[in-house]
Amino acid sequence: MSGFNWPGLMRVAISAGIRPSDFWALTPAEFEFLLGKTSAGQPLTRRRLDELASAYPDTSKEEANGPD
């Protein structure tokens, strides 16, 4: 289970007038902006970059799927 409420996130996007195909193309930062969770006008600080990296970690297919 991913921990994301995909149906809820889609409802937010669709109610904001975003088409499903555009929803799936959003970056995490863009979606946070849509949700109002941004410090618009502020430069990206190292602390904020670390927060985003923790919230949306990069994983390889092996890490995500586990060993064969």
PDB file of N, CA and C in Angstrom:
ATOM      1  N   MET A   1       0.846  -1.183   0.000  1.00  0.00           N
ATOM      2  CA  MET A   1       0.000   0.000   0.000  1.00  0.00           C
ATOM      3  C   MET A   1       0.884   1.237   0.000  1.00  0.00           C
ATOM      4  N   SER A   2       0.536   2.231  -0.804  1.00  0.00           N
ATOM      5  CA  SER A   2       1.412   3.375  -1.018  1.00  0.00           C
ATOM      6  C   SER A   2       1.325   4.443   0.057  1.00  0.00           C
ATOM      7  N   GLY A   3       0.234   4.527   0.785  1.00  0.00           N
ATOM      8  CA  GLY A   3       0.088   5.578   1.772  1.00  0.00           C
ATOM      9  C   GLY A   3      -0.521   6.848   1.205  1.00  0.00           C
ATOM     10  N   PHE A   4      -0.668   6.917  -0.099  1.00  0.00           N
ATOM     11  CA  PHE A   4      -1.290   8.082  -0.723  1.00  0.00           C
ATOM     12  C   PHE A   4      -2.776   7.832  -0.916  1.00  0.00           C
ATOM     13  N   ASN A   5      -3.557   8.854  -0.708  1.00  0.00           N
ATOM     14  CA  ASN A   5      -5.000   8.786  -0.950  1.00  0.00           C
ATOM     15  C   ASN A   5      -5.230   9.248  -2.391  1.00  0.00           C
ATOM     16  N   TRP A   6      -4.947   8.362  -3.351  1.00  0.00           N
ATOM     17  CA  TRP A   6      -5.051   8.742  -4.759  1.00  0.00           C
ATOM     18  C   TRP A   6      -6.443   9.240  -5.141  1.00  0.00           C
ATOM     19  N   PRO A   7      -7.532   8.578  -4.722  1.00  0.00           N
ATOM     20  CA  PRO A   7      -8.855   9.104  -5.078  1.00  0.00           C
ATOM     21  C   PRO A   7      -9.079  10.521  -4.537  1.00  0.00           C
ATOM     22  N   GLY A   8      -8.648  10.768  -3.304  1.00  0.00           N
ATOM     23  CA  GLY A   8      -8.798  12.104  -2.718  1.00  0.00           C
ATOM     24  C   GLY A   8      -7.968  13.146  -3.450  1.00  0.00           C
ATOM     25  N   LEU A   9      -6.737  12.765  -3.810  1.00  0.00           N
ATOM     26  CA  LEU A   9      -5.879  13.692  -4.549  1.00  0.00           C
ATOM     27  C   LEU A   9      -6.463  13.995  -5.924  1.00  0.00           C
ATOM     28  N   MET A  10      -7.009  12.968  -6.575  1.00  0.00           N
ATOM     29  CA  MET A  10      -7.648  13.188  -7.883  1.00  0.00           C
ATOM     30  C   MET A  10      -8.853  14.110  -7.751  1.00  0.00           C
ATOM     31  N   ARG A  11      -9.644  13.942  -6.687  1.00  0.00           N
ATOM     32  CA  ARG A  11     -10.807  14.825  -6.488  1.00  0.00           C
ATOM     33  C   ARG A  11     -10.370  16.277  -6.345  1.00  0.00           C
ATOM     34  N   VAL A  12      -9.301  16.500  -5.590  1.00  0.00           N
ATOM     35  CA  VAL A  12      -8.780  17.862  -5.428  1.00  0.00           C
ATOM     36  C   VAL A  12      -8.377  18.424  -6.782  1.00  0.00           C
ATOM     37  N   ALA A  13      -7.649  17.645  -7.547  1.00  0.00           N
ATOM     38  CA  ALA A  13      -7.173  18.114  -8.851  1.00  0.00           C
ATOM     39  C   ALA A  13      -8.327  18.381  -9.804  1.00  0.00           C
ATOM     40  N   ILE A  14      -9.261  17.451  -9.883  1.00  0.00           N
ATOM     41  CA  ILE A  14     -10.388  17.619 -10.809  1.00  0.00           C
ATOM     42  C   ILE A  14     -11.253  18.803 -10.392  1.00  0.00           C
ATOM     43  N   SER A  15     -11.444  18.980  -9.079  1.00  0.00           N
ATOM     44  CA  SER A  15     -12.243  20.126  -8.630  1.00  0.00           C
ATOM     45  C   SER A  15     -11.533  21.446  -8.917  1.00  0.00           C
ATOM     46  N   ALA A  16     -10.206  21.393  -9.079  1.00  0.00           N
ATOM     47  CA  ALA A  16      -9.449  22.584  -9.440  1.00  0.00           C
ATOM     48  C   ALA A  16      -9.392  22.771 -10.955  1.00  0.00           C
ATOM     49  N   GLY A  17     -10.067  21.877 -11.702  1.00  0.00           N
ATOM     50  CA  GLY A  17     -10.115  22.004 -13.158  1.00  0.00           C
ATOM     51  C   GLY A  17      -8.957  21.339 -13.884  1.00  0.00           C
ATOM     52  N   ILE A  18      -8.234  20.474 -13.192  1.00  0.00           N
ATOM     53  CA  ILE A  18      -7.101  19.794 -13.810  1.00  0.00           C
ATOM     54  C   ILE A  18      -7.567  18.467 -14.399  1.00  0.00           C
ATOM     55  N   ARG A  19      -7.238  18.242 -15.665  1.00  0.00           N
ATOM     56  CA  ARG A  19      -7.593  16.990 -16.334  1.00  0.00           C
ATOM     57  C   ARG A  19      -6.760  15.849 -15.753  1.00  0.00           C
ATOM     58  N   PRO A  20      -7.305  14.633 -15.753  1.00  0.00           N
ATOM     59  CA  PRO A  20      -6.545  13.496 -15.209  1.00  0.00           C
ATOM     60  C   PRO A  20      -5.159  13.343 -15.826  1.00  0.00           C
ATOM     61  N   SER A  21      -5.034  13.517 -17.133  1.00  0.00           N
ATOM     62  CA  SER A  21      -3.712  13.372 -17.759  1.00  0.00           C
ATOM     63  C   SER A  21      -2.734  14.430 -17.244  1.00  0.00           C
ATOM     64  N   ASP A  22      -3.232  15.623 -16.975  1.00  0.00           N
ATOM     65  CA  ASP A  22      -2.370  16.670 -16.423  1.00  0.00           C
ATOM     66  C   ASP A  22      -2.029  16.387 -14.963  1.00  0.00           C
ATOM     67  N   PHE A  23      -2.985  15.799 -14.226  1.00  0.00           N
ATOM     68  CA  PHE A  23      -2.729  15.422 -12.834  1.00  0.00           C
ATOM     69  C   PHE A  23      -1.528  14.494 -12.751  1.00  0.00           C
ATOM     70  N   TRP A  24      -1.501  13.470 -13.608  1.00  0.00           N
ATOM     71  CA  TRP A  24      -0.420  12.493 -13.546  1.00  0.00           C
ATOM     72  C   TRP A  24       0.908  13.080 -13.997  1.00  0.00           C
ATOM     73  N   ALA A  25       0.881  14.215 -14.682  1.00  0.00           N
ATOM     74  CA  ALA A  25       2.118  14.863 -15.123  1.00  0.00           C
ATOM     75  C   ALA A  25       2.655  15.861 -14.096  1.00  0.00           C
ATOM     76  N   LEU A  26       1.885  16.154 -13.032  1.00  0.00           N
ATOM     77  CA  LEU A  26       2.329  17.110 -12.009  1.00  0.00           C
ATOM     78  C   LEU A  26       3.533  16.578 -11.239  1.00  0.00           C
ATOM     79  N   THR A  27       4.438  17.478 -10.905  1.00  0.00           N
ATOM     80  CA  THR A  27       5.530  17.109 -10.002  1.00  0.00           C
ATOM     81  C   THR A  27       5.009  17.226  -8.571  1.00  0.00           C
ATOM     82  N   PRO A  28       5.674  16.604  -7.609  1.00  0.00           N
ATOM     83  CA  PRO A  28       5.244  16.762  -6.214  1.00  0.00           C
ATOM     84  C   PRO A  28       5.192  18.228  -5.779  1.00  0.00           C
ATOM     85  N   ALA A  29       6.161  19.027  -6.204  1.00  0.00           N
ATOM     86  CA  ALA A  29       6.168  20.448  -5.844  1.00  0.00           C
ATOM     87  C   ALA A  29       4.966  21.177  -6.444  1.00  0.00           C
ATOM     88  N   GLU A  30       4.616  20.841  -7.687  1.00  0.00           N
ATOM     89  CA  GLU A  30       3.457  21.470  -8.317  1.00  0.00           C
ATOM     90  C   GLU A  30       2.172  21.085  -7.603  1.00  0.00           C
ATOM     91  N   PHE A  31       2.068  19.823  -7.162  1.00  0.00           N
ATOM     92  CA  PHE A  31       0.859  19.408  -6.466  1.00  0.00           C
ATOM     93  C   PHE A  31       0.774  20.072  -5.099  1.00  0.00           C
ATOM     94  N   GLU A  32       1.899  20.208  -4.405  1.00  0.00           N
ATOM     95  CA  GLU A  32       1.894  20.922  -3.126  1.00  0.00           C
ATOM     96  C   GLU A  32       1.450  22.366  -3.339  1.00  0.00           C
ATOM     97  N   PHE A  33       1.886  22.975  -4.428  1.00  0.00           N
ATOM     98  CA  PHE A  33       1.453  24.338  -4.742  1.00  0.00           C
ATOM     99  C   PHE A  33      -0.055  24.376  -4.927  1.00  0.00           C
ATOM    100  N   LEU A  34      -0.600  23.393  -5.654  1.00  0.00           N
ATOM    101  CA  LEU A  34      -2.040  23.297  -5.868  1.00  0.00           C
ATOM    102  C   LEU A  34      -2.779  23.191  -4.534  1.00  0.00           C
ATOM    103  N   LEU A  35      -2.200  22.455  -3.587  1.00  0.00           N
ATOM    104  CA  LEU A  35      -2.812  22.280  -2.274  1.00  0.00           C
ATOM    105  C   LEU A  35      -2.589  23.480  -1.354  1.00  0.00           C
ATOM    106  N   GLY A  36      -1.791  24.443  -1.809  1.00  0.00           N
ATOM    107  CA  GLY A  36      -1.515  25.613  -0.984  1.00  0.00           C
ATOM    108  C   GLY A  36      -0.396  25.386   0.016  1.00  0.00           C
ATOM    109  N   LYS A  37       0.358  24.316  -0.159  1.00  0.00           N
ATOM    110  CA  LYS A  37       1.446  23.997   0.763  1.00  0.00           C
ATOM    111  C   LYS A  37       2.770  24.474   0.188  1.00  0.00           C
ATOM    112  N   THR A  38       2.879  25.750  -0.042  1.00  0.00           N
ATOM    113  CA  THR A  38       4.107  26.262  -0.628  1.00  0.00           C
ATOM    114  C   THR A  38       4.479  27.588  -0.008  1.00  0.00           C
ATOM    115  N   SER A  39       5.709  27.904  -0.125  1.00  0.00           N
ATOM    116  CA  SER A  39       6.170  29.216   0.284  1.00  0.00           C
ATOM    117  C   SER A  39       6.444  30.003  -0.997  1.00  0.00           C
ATOM    118  N   ALA A  40       5.384  30.276  -1.747  1.00  0.00           N
ATOM    119  CA  ALA A  40       5.500  30.953  -3.040  1.00  0.00           C
ATOM    120  C   ALA A  40       6.289  32.240  -2.884  1.00  0.00           C
ATOM    121  N   GLY A  41       7.142  32.483  -3.834  1.00  0.00           N
ATOM    122  CA  GLY A  41       7.955  33.687  -3.812  1.00  0.00           C
ATOM    123  C   GLY A  41       9.240  33.505  -3.018  1.00  0.00           C
ATOM    124  N   GLN A  42       9.367  32.409  -2.309  1.00  0.00           N
ATOM    125  CA  GLN A  42      10.562  32.131  -1.525  1.00  0.00           C
ATOM    126  C   GLN A  42      11.516  31.280  -2.368  1.00  0.00           C
ATOM    127  N   PRO A  43      12.812  31.528  -2.273  1.00  0.00           N
ATOM    128  CA  PRO A  43      13.748  30.660  -2.981  1.00  0.00           C
ATOM    129  C   PRO A  43      13.786  29.276  -2.319  1.00  0.00           C
ATOM    130  N   LEU A  44      14.129  28.280  -3.103  1.00  0.00           N
ATOM    131  CA  LEU A  44      14.248  26.924  -2.580  1.00  0.00           C
ATOM    132  C   LEU A  44      15.506  26.846  -1.730  1.00  0.00           C
ATOM    133  N   THR A  45      15.325  26.579  -0.455  1.00  0.00           N
ATOM    134  CA  THR A  45      16.464  26.464   0.456  1.00  0.00           C
ATOM    135  C   THR A  45      16.909  25.009   0.547  1.00  0.00           C
ATOM    136  N   ARG A  46      18.083  24.800   1.076  1.00  0.00           N
ATOM    137  CA  ARG A  46      18.581  23.439   1.256  1.00  0.00           C
ATOM    138  C   ARG A  46      17.658  22.657   2.188  1.00  0.00           C
ATOM    139  N   ARG A  47      17.165  23.331   3.231  1.00  0.00           N
ATOM    140  CA  ARG A  47      16.257  22.670   4.173  1.00  0.00           C
ATOM    141  C   ARG A  47      14.988  22.211   3.459  1.00  0.00           C
ATOM    142  N   ARG A  48      14.418  23.085   2.614  1.00  0.00           N
ATOM    143  CA  ARG A  48      13.191  22.729   1.890  1.00  0.00           C
ATOM    144  C   ARG A  48      13.464  21.605   0.901  1.00  0.00           C
ATOM    145  N   LEU A  49      14.627  21.639   0.245  1.00  0.00           N
ATOM    146  CA  LEU A  49      14.998  20.569  -0.676  1.00  0.00           C
ATOM    147  C   LEU A  49      15.099  19.247   0.079  1.00  0.00           C
ATOM    148  N   ASP A  50      15.709  19.269   1.260  1.00  0.00           N
ATOM    149  CA  ASP A  50      15.799  18.058   2.081  1.00  0.00           C
ATOM    150  C   ASP A  50      14.418  17.563   2.492  1.00  0.00           C
ATOM    151  N   GLU A  51      13.500  18.488   2.823  1.00  0.00           N
ATOM    152  CA  GLU A  51      12.134  18.104   3.180  1.00  0.00           C
ATOM    153  C   GLU A  51      11.446  17.414   2.004  1.00  0.00           C
ATOM    154  N   LEU A  52      11.586  17.982   0.810  1.00  0.00           N
ATOM    155  CA  LEU A  52      10.981  17.386  -0.383  1.00  0.00           C
ATOM    156  C   LEU A  52      11.610  16.024  -0.690  1.00  0.00           C
ATOM    157  N   ALA A  53      12.936  15.924  -0.534  1.00  0.00           N
ATOM    158  CA  ALA A  53      13.615  14.655  -0.790  1.00  0.00           C
ATOM    159  C   ALA A  53      13.152  13.586   0.197  1.00  0.00           C
ATOM    160  N   SER A  54      12.897  13.981   1.437  1.00  0.00           N
ATOM    161  CA  SER A  54      12.395  13.018   2.430  1.00  0.00           C
ATOM    162  C   SER A  54      10.962  12.612   2.126  1.00  0.00           C
ATOM    163  N   ALA A  55      10.150  13.568   1.695  1.00  0.00           N
ATOM    164  CA  ALA A  55       8.746  13.287   1.399  1.00  0.00           C
ATOM    165  C   ALA A  55       8.588  12.459   0.124  1.00  0.00           C
ATOM    166  N   TYR A  56       9.490  12.648  -0.836  1.00  0.00           N
ATOM    167  CA  TYR A  56       9.397  11.974  -2.134  1.00  0.00           C
ATOM    168  C   TYR A  56      10.751  11.364  -2.497  1.00  0.00           C
ATOM    169  N   PRO A  57      11.174  10.315  -1.769  1.00  0.00           N
ATOM    170  CA  PRO A  57      12.504   9.752  -2.015  1.00  0.00           C
ATOM    171  C   PRO A  57      12.591   9.063  -3.375  1.00  0.00           C
ATOM    172  N   ASP A  58      13.759   9.171  -3.975  1.00  0.00           N
ATOM    173  CA  ASP A  58      14.036   8.443  -5.211  1.00  0.00           C
ATOM    174  C   ASP A  58      14.399   7.021  -4.829  1.00  0.00           C
ATOM    175  N   THR A  59      13.804   6.060  -5.511  1.00  0.00           N
ATOM    176  CA  THR A  59      14.157   4.668  -5.278  1.00  0.00           C
ATOM    177  C   THR A  59      14.295   3.974  -6.623  1.00  0.00           C
ATOM    178  N   SER A  60      15.198   3.022  -6.657  1.00  0.00           N
ATOM    179  CA  SER A  60      15.340   2.230  -7.877  1.00  0.00           C
ATOM    180  C   SER A  60      14.267   1.155  -7.876  1.00  0.00           C
ATOM    181  N   LYS A  61      14.083   0.521  -9.000  1.00  0.00           N
ATOM    182  CA  LYS A  61      13.082  -0.557  -9.081  1.00  0.00           C
ATOM    183  C   LYS A  61      13.426  -1.666  -8.089  1.00  0.00           C
ATOM    184  N   GLU A  62      14.729  -1.956  -7.937  1.00  0.00           N
ATOM    185  CA  GLU A  62      15.139  -3.013  -7.009  1.00  0.00           C
ATOM    186  C   GLU A  62      14.766  -2.632  -5.583  1.00  0.00           C
ATOM    187  N   GLU A  63      15.001  -1.377  -5.204  1.00  0.00           N
ATOM    188  CA  GLU A  63      14.682  -0.932  -3.851  1.00  0.00           C
ATOM    189  C   GLU A  63      13.177  -0.949  -3.618  1.00  0.00           C
ATOM    190  N   ALA A  64      12.417  -0.535  -4.615  1.00  0.00           N
ATOM    191  CA  ALA A  64      10.967  -0.462  -4.476  1.00  0.00           C
ATOM    192  C   ALA A  64      10.333  -1.849  -4.444  1.00  0.00           C
ATOM    193  N   ASN A  65      10.874  -2.792  -5.223  1.00  0.00           N
ATOM    194  CA  ASN A  65      10.274  -4.120  -5.339  1.00  0.00           C
ATOM    195  C   ASN A  65      10.922  -5.150  -4.417  1.00  0.00           C
ATOM    196  N   GLY A  66      12.057  -4.849  -3.863  1.00  0.00           N
ATOM    197  CA  GLY A  66      12.756  -5.807  -3.028  1.00  0.00           C
ATOM    198  C   GLY A  66      13.574  -6.773  -3.868  1.00  0.00           C
ATOM    199  N   PRO A  67      14.322  -7.619  -3.213  1.00  0.00           N
ATOM    200  CA  PRO A  67      15.165  -8.572  -3.973  1.00  0.00           C
ATOM    201  C   PRO A  67      14.317  -9.616  -4.689  1.00  0.00           C
ATOM    202  N   ASP A  68      14.899 -10.142  -5.767  1.00  0.00           N
ATOM    203  CA  ASP A  68      14.193 -11.186  -6.549  1.00  0.00           C
ATOM    204  C   ASP A  68      14.112 -12.471  -5.808  1.00  0.00           C
TER     205      ASP A  68
END
